[in-house]
């Protein structure tokens, strides 16, 4: 049960955005730029970073909704997400993406956990400074989003179809209409 009075028909961050639209607008714009704006990382790759970080933070709503979005945007869909959740190194993604996911998981632990060796490994796989920057920012942002959603005990449905529909909506319409 949520800690504050939220619309019981809205799950996760959508309930929080409805509760406080004046904070929803900049947060939605932030997510739109991070996950859908111009980038050499695909939308699917950026959604995968969000899903892996959210899973590591044990945020059910964010991990499942961004997993669904990543699955919608990635060629091989949900099996890629599930493999990355289980073992980044065993996931069927590029070596560069594996290195960036390791950076993201280090950010999830602490910004200071991102050491020179992780950055060197990402650079060795041809990650650009912008890709490293964006990976760190996506991971840090999702730590905030995860704590926002779970800190107010929002509702996380247990319905796979609801998350799949949310993933399709995010890929088709983005974050400005949440």
C-alpha atoms as a PDB file:
ATOM      1  CA  UNK A   1       0.000   0.000   0.000  1.00  0.00           C
ATOM      2  CA  UNK A   2       1.451   3.386  -0.996  1.00  0.00           C
ATOM      3  CA  UNK A   3       2.702   5.676   1.751  1.00  0.00           C
ATOM      4  CA  UNK A   4       0.771   8.640   0.331  1.00  0.00           C
ATOM      5  CA  UNK A   5      -2.648   9.002  -1.325  1.00  0.00           C
ATOM      6  CA  UNK A   6      -2.094   7.909  -4.934  1.00  0.00           C
ATOM      7  CA  UNK A   7      -4.509   6.913  -7.681  1.00  0.00           C
ATOM      8  CA  UNK A   8      -4.919   3.186  -7.037  1.00  0.00           C
ATOM      9  CA  UNK A   9      -5.484   2.585 -10.750  1.00  0.00           C
ATOM     10  CA  UNK A  10      -2.019   3.863 -11.667  1.00  0.00           C
ATOM     11  CA  UNK A  11       1.081   1.768 -10.986  1.00  0.00           C
ATOM     12  CA  UNK A  12       4.599   2.856 -10.156  1.00  0.00           C
ATOM     13  CA  UNK A  13       5.926   6.169 -11.352  1.00  0.00           C
ATOM     14  CA  UNK A  14       2.757   6.920 -13.322  1.00  0.00           C
ATOM     15  CA  UNK A  15       0.900   7.339 -10.033  1.00  0.00           C
ATOM     16  CA  UNK A  16       3.627   9.638  -8.735  1.00  0.00           C
ATOM     17  CA  UNK A  17       3.574  11.697 -11.926  1.00  0.00           C
ATOM     18  CA  UNK A  18      -0.203  12.068 -11.645  1.00  0.00           C
ATOM     19  CA  UNK A  19       0.151  13.042  -7.977  1.00  0.00           C
ATOM     20  CA  UNK A  20       2.703  15.783  -8.687  1.00  0.00           C
ATOM     21  CA  UNK A  21       2.534  16.876 -12.346  1.00  0.00           C
ATOM     22  CA  UNK A  22       4.860  19.818 -11.744  1.00  0.00           C
ATOM     23  CA  UNK A  23       7.710  17.391 -10.990  1.00  0.00           C
ATOM     24  CA  UNK A  24       6.528  14.891 -13.600  1.00  0.00           C
ATOM     25  CA  UNK A  25       7.200  17.273 -16.491  1.00  0.00           C
ATOM     26  CA  UNK A  26      10.950  17.755 -15.916  1.00  0.00           C
ATOM     27  CA  UNK A  27      11.455  14.123 -14.891  1.00  0.00           C
ATOM     28  CA  UNK A  28       9.654  12.936 -18.020  1.00  0.00           C
ATOM     29  CA  UNK A  29      11.752  15.271 -20.180  1.00  0.00           C
ATOM     30  CA  UNK A  30      14.905  14.005 -18.463  1.00  0.00           C
ATOM     31  CA  UNK A  31      13.947  10.368 -19.170  1.00  0.00           C
ATOM     32  CA  UNK A  32      13.024  11.243 -22.757  1.00  0.00           C
ATOM     33  CA  UNK A  33      16.443  12.770 -23.441  1.00  0.00           C
ATOM     34  CA  UNK A  34      18.335   9.974 -21.675  1.00  0.00           C
ATOM     35  CA  UNK A  35      16.492   7.039 -23.180  1.00  0.00           C
ATOM     36  CA  UNK A  36      15.213   8.305 -26.525  1.00  0.00           C
ATOM     37  CA  UNK A  37      17.280  11.333 -27.469  1.00  0.00           C
ATOM     38  CA  UNK A  38      20.061  11.302 -30.049  1.00  0.00           C
ATOM     39  CA  UNK A  39      22.718   8.750 -29.120  1.00  0.00           C
ATOM     40  CA  UNK A  40      25.033   6.188 -30.625  1.00  0.00           C
ATOM     41  CA  UNK A  41      23.509   3.755 -28.112  1.00  0.00           C
ATOM     42  CA  UNK A  42      20.207   2.400 -29.347  1.00  0.00           C
ATOM     43  CA  UNK A  43      16.974   2.948 -27.460  1.00  0.00           C
ATOM     44  CA  UNK A  44      17.004  -0.771 -26.672  1.00  0.00           C
ATOM     45  CA  UNK A  45      20.518  -0.610 -25.244  1.00  0.00           C
ATOM     46  CA  UNK A  46      19.638   2.373 -23.061  1.00  0.00           C
ATOM     47  CA  UNK A  47      16.441   0.684 -21.873  1.00  0.00           C
ATOM     48  CA  UNK A  48      18.535  -2.405 -21.101  1.00  0.00           C
ATOM     49  CA  UNK A  49      20.824  -0.309 -18.891  1.00  0.00           C
ATOM     50  CA  UNK A  50      17.742   1.015 -17.069  1.00  0.00           C
ATOM     51  CA  UNK A  51      16.307  -2.506 -16.676  1.00  0.00           C
ATOM     52  CA  UNK A  52      19.569  -4.023 -15.393  1.00  0.00           C
ATOM     53  CA  UNK A  53      20.165  -1.224 -12.878  1.00  0.00           C
ATOM     54  CA  UNK A  54      16.536  -1.383 -11.708  1.00  0.00           C
ATOM     55  CA  UNK A  55      16.751  -5.152 -11.304  1.00  0.00           C
ATOM     56  CA  UNK A  56      19.946  -4.735  -9.288  1.00  0.00           C
ATOM     57  CA  UNK A  57      18.077  -2.260  -7.085  1.00  0.00           C
ATOM     58  CA  UNK A  58      15.224  -4.765  -6.674  1.00  0.00           C
ATOM     59  CA  UNK A  59      12.704  -2.266  -8.046  1.00  0.00           C
ATOM     60  CA  UNK A  60       9.971  -4.462  -9.469  1.00  0.00           C
ATOM     61  CA  UNK A  61       8.005  -1.781 -11.296  1.00  0.00           C
ATOM     62  CA  UNK A  62      11.005  -0.145 -12.995  1.00  0.00           C
ATOM     63  CA  UNK A  63      12.850  -3.357 -13.786  1.00  0.00           C
ATOM     64  CA  UNK A  64       9.819  -4.981 -15.375  1.00  0.00           C
ATOM     65  CA  UNK A  65       8.577  -1.931 -17.278  1.00  0.00           C
ATOM     66  CA  UNK A  66      12.016  -1.070 -18.680  1.00  0.00           C
ATOM     67  CA  UNK A  67      12.703  -4.733 -19.409  1.00  0.00           C
ATOM     68  CA  UNK A  68       9.521  -4.741 -21.480  1.00  0.00           C
ATOM     69  CA  UNK A  69      10.619  -1.569 -23.287  1.00  0.00           C
ATOM     70  CA  UNK A  70      14.086  -3.018 -23.933  1.00  0.00           C
ATOM     71  CA  UNK A  71      12.539  -6.259 -25.176  1.00  0.00           C
ATOM     72  CA  UNK A  72      10.323  -4.292 -27.534  1.00  0.00           C
ATOM     73  CA  UNK A  73      13.301  -2.357 -28.930  1.00  0.00           C
ATOM     74  CA  UNK A  74      15.958  -5.095 -29.029  1.00  0.00           C
ATOM     75  CA  UNK A  75      16.047  -7.542 -31.915  1.00  0.00           C
ATOM     76  CA  UNK A  76      16.080 -10.656 -29.727  1.00  0.00           C
ATOM     77  CA  UNK A  77      13.675  -9.277 -27.128  1.00  0.00           C
ATOM     78  CA  UNK A  78      13.137 -10.510 -23.595  1.00  0.00           C
ATOM     79  CA  UNK A  79      15.702 -13.352 -23.709  1.00  0.00           C
ATOM     80  CA  UNK A  80      18.427 -10.688 -24.023  1.00  0.00           C
ATOM     81  CA  UNK A  81      17.089  -8.815 -20.990  1.00  0.00           C
ATOM     82  CA  UNK A  82      16.739 -11.966 -18.906  1.00  0.00           C
ATOM     83  CA  UNK A  83      20.261 -13.059 -19.799  1.00  0.00           C
ATOM     84  CA  UNK A  84      21.649  -9.624 -18.814  1.00  0.00           C
ATOM     85  CA  UNK A  85      19.726  -9.787 -15.536  1.00  0.00           C
ATOM     86  CA  UNK A  86      21.262 -13.175 -14.796  1.00  0.00           C
ATOM     87  CA  UNK A  87      24.835 -12.603 -15.994  1.00  0.00           C
ATOM     88  CA  UNK A  88      26.040  -9.556 -17.905  1.00  0.00           C
ATOM     89  CA  UNK A  89      29.057 -11.427 -19.279  1.00  0.00           C
ATOM     90  CA  UNK A  90      26.865 -14.242 -20.604  1.00  0.00           C
ATOM     91  CA  UNK A  91      24.286 -11.951 -22.201  1.00  0.00           C
ATOM     92  CA  UNK A  92      23.993 -11.944 -26.002  1.00  0.00           C
ATOM     93  CA  UNK A  93      25.020  -8.296 -26.357  1.00  0.00           C
ATOM     94  CA  UNK A  94      28.153  -6.682 -27.767  1.00  0.00           C
ATOM     95  CA  UNK A  95      31.383  -6.592 -25.783  1.00  0.00           C
ATOM     96  CA  UNK A  96      30.968  -2.808 -25.596  1.00  0.00           C
ATOM     97  CA  UNK A  97      27.483  -3.191 -24.110  1.00  0.00           C
ATOM     98  CA  UNK A  98      28.772  -5.701 -21.547  1.00  0.00           C
ATOM     99  CA  UNK A  99      31.477  -3.242 -20.498  1.00  0.00           C
ATOM    100  CA  UNK A 100      28.936  -0.422 -20.231  1.00  0.00           C
ATOM    101  CA  UNK A 101      26.575  -2.611 -18.190  1.00  0.00           C
ATOM    102  CA  UNK A 102      29.442  -3.282 -15.772  1.00  0.00           C
ATOM    103  CA  UNK A 103      29.933   0.473 -15.459  1.00  0.00           C
ATOM    104  CA  UNK A 104      26.185   0.896 -14.842  1.00  0.00           C
ATOM    105  CA  UNK A 105      26.168  -1.791 -12.154  1.00  0.00           C
ATOM    106  CA  UNK A 106      29.118  -0.129 -10.440  1.00  0.00           C
ATOM    107  CA  UNK A 107      27.216   3.176 -10.434  1.00  0.00           C
ATOM    108  CA  UNK A 108      24.315   1.310  -8.846  1.00  0.00           C
ATOM    109  CA  UNK A 109      26.581   0.366  -5.951  1.00  0.00           C
ATOM    110  CA  UNK A 110      28.185   3.817  -5.614  1.00  0.00           C
ATOM    111  CA  UNK A 111      29.559   6.430  -7.942  1.00  0.00           C
ATOM    112  CA  UNK A 112      32.945   5.796  -6.385  1.00  0.00           C
ATOM    113  CA  UNK A 113      32.721   2.141  -7.449  1.00  0.00           C
ATOM    114  CA  UNK A 114      33.333   3.238 -11.030  1.00  0.00           C
ATOM    115  CA  UNK A 115      37.068   2.758 -11.205  1.00  0.00           C
ATOM    116  CA  UNK A 116      39.629   3.411 -13.898  1.00  0.00           C
ATOM    117  CA  UNK A 117      39.638  -0.284 -14.840  1.00  0.00           C
ATOM    118  CA  UNK A 118      35.918  -0.269 -15.710  1.00  0.00           C
ATOM    119  CA  UNK A 119      36.322   2.848 -17.840  1.00  0.00           C
ATOM    120  CA  UNK A 120      39.426   1.404 -19.519  1.00  0.00           C
ATOM    121  CA  UNK A 121      37.506  -1.791 -20.281  1.00  0.00           C
ATOM    122  CA  UNK A 122      34.680   0.219 -21.858  1.00  0.00           C
ATOM    123  CA  UNK A 123      37.145   2.268 -23.896  1.00  0.00           C
ATOM    124  CA  UNK A 124      38.914  -0.924 -24.998  1.00  0.00           C
ATOM    125  CA  UNK A 125      35.575  -1.943 -26.542  1.00  0.00           C
ATOM    126  CA  UNK A 126      35.337   1.421 -28.351  1.00  0.00           C
ATOM    127  CA  UNK A 127      32.877   3.078 -25.971  1.00  0.00           C
ATOM    128  CA  UNK A 128      32.975   6.812 -26.553  1.00  0.00           C
ATOM    129  CA  UNK A 129      33.111   9.448 -23.846  1.00  0.00           C
ATOM    130  CA  UNK A 130      29.470  10.293 -24.594  1.00  0.00           C
ATOM    131  CA  UNK A 131      28.438   6.628 -24.258  1.00  0.00           C
ATOM    132  CA  UNK A 132      30.298   6.337 -20.942  1.00  0.00           C
ATOM    133  CA  UNK A 133      28.742   9.603 -19.756  1.00  0.00           C
ATOM    134  CA  UNK A 134      25.253   8.538 -20.754  1.00  0.00           C
ATOM    135  CA  UNK A 135      25.652   5.097 -19.173  1.00  0.00           C
ATOM    136  CA  UNK A 136      26.660   6.649 -15.858  1.00  0.00           C
ATOM    137  CA  UNK A 137      23.833   9.180 -16.046  1.00  0.00           C
ATOM    138  CA  UNK A 138      21.200   6.552 -16.941  1.00  0.00           C
ATOM    139  CA  UNK A 139      22.378   4.333 -14.087  1.00  0.00           C
ATOM    140  CA  UNK A 140      22.410   7.222 -11.601  1.00  0.00           C
ATOM    141  CA  UNK A 141      19.002   8.433 -12.783  1.00  0.00           C
ATOM    142  CA  UNK A 142      17.497   4.995 -12.402  1.00  0.00           C
ATOM    143  CA  UNK A 143      18.853   4.694  -8.888  1.00  0.00           C
ATOM    144  CA  UNK A 144      16.869   7.875  -8.190  1.00  0.00           C
ATOM    145  CA  UNK A 145      13.762   6.676 -10.077  1.00  0.00           C
ATOM    146  CA  UNK A 146      13.907   3.293  -8.296  1.00  0.00           C
ATOM    147  CA  UNK A 147      14.121   4.939  -4.890  1.00  0.00           C
ATOM    148  CA  UNK A 148      11.306   7.344  -5.807  1.00  0.00           C
ATOM    149  CA  UNK A 149       9.004   4.488  -6.847  1.00  0.00           C
ATOM    150  CA  UNK A 150       9.887   2.158  -3.962  1.00  0.00           C
ATOM    151  CA  UNK A 151      10.373   4.878  -1.344  1.00  0.00           C
ATOM    152  CA  UNK A 152       6.703   5.795  -1.676  1.00  0.00           C
ATOM    153  CA  UNK A 153       5.637   2.128  -1.925  1.00  0.00           C
ATOM    154  CA  UNK A 154       3.899   2.515  -5.268  1.00  0.00           C
ATOM    155  CA  UNK A 155       1.900  -0.366  -6.701  1.00  0.00           C
ATOM    156  CA  UNK A 156       3.792  -2.841  -8.872  1.00  0.00           C
ATOM    157  CA  UNK A 157       1.371  -5.056 -10.800  1.00  0.00           C
ATOM    158  CA  UNK A 158       2.068  -8.754 -11.059  1.00  0.00           C
ATOM    159  CA  UNK A 159       0.718  -8.931 -14.612  1.00  0.00           C
ATOM    160  CA  UNK A 160       3.221  -9.629 -17.399  1.00  0.00           C
ATOM    161  CA  UNK A 161       0.787  -8.305 -19.997  1.00  0.00           C
ATOM    162  CA  UNK A 162       0.537  -4.939 -18.196  1.00  0.00           C
ATOM    163  CA  UNK A 163       4.314  -4.556 -18.357  1.00  0.00           C
ATOM    164  CA  UNK A 164       4.439  -5.670 -21.982  1.00  0.00           C
ATOM    165  CA  UNK A 165       1.799  -3.050 -22.855  1.00  0.00           C
ATOM    166  CA  UNK A 166       3.776  -0.429 -20.907  1.00  0.00           C
ATOM    167  CA  UNK A 167       6.938  -1.357 -22.802  1.00  0.00           C
ATOM    168  CA  UNK A 168       5.172  -0.971 -26.145  1.00  0.00           C
ATOM    169  CA  UNK A 169       3.744   2.380 -25.020  1.00  0.00           C
ATOM    170  CA  UNK A 170       7.169   3.644 -23.935  1.00  0.00           C
ATOM    171  CA  UNK A 171       8.785   2.658 -27.222  1.00  0.00           C
ATOM    172  CA  UNK A 172       5.959   4.057 -29.351  1.00  0.00           C
ATOM    173  CA  UNK A 173       5.172   7.221 -27.384  1.00  0.00           C
ATOM    174  CA  UNK A 174       8.129   7.951 -25.111  1.00  0.00           C
ATOM    175  CA  UNK A 175       8.270   9.570 -21.713  1.00  0.00           C
ATOM    176  CA  UNK A 176       6.596  12.895 -22.275  1.00  0.00           C
ATOM    177  CA  UNK A 177       3.063  11.464 -22.137  1.00  0.00           C
ATOM    178  CA  UNK A 178       3.313   9.540 -18.850  1.00  0.00           C
END
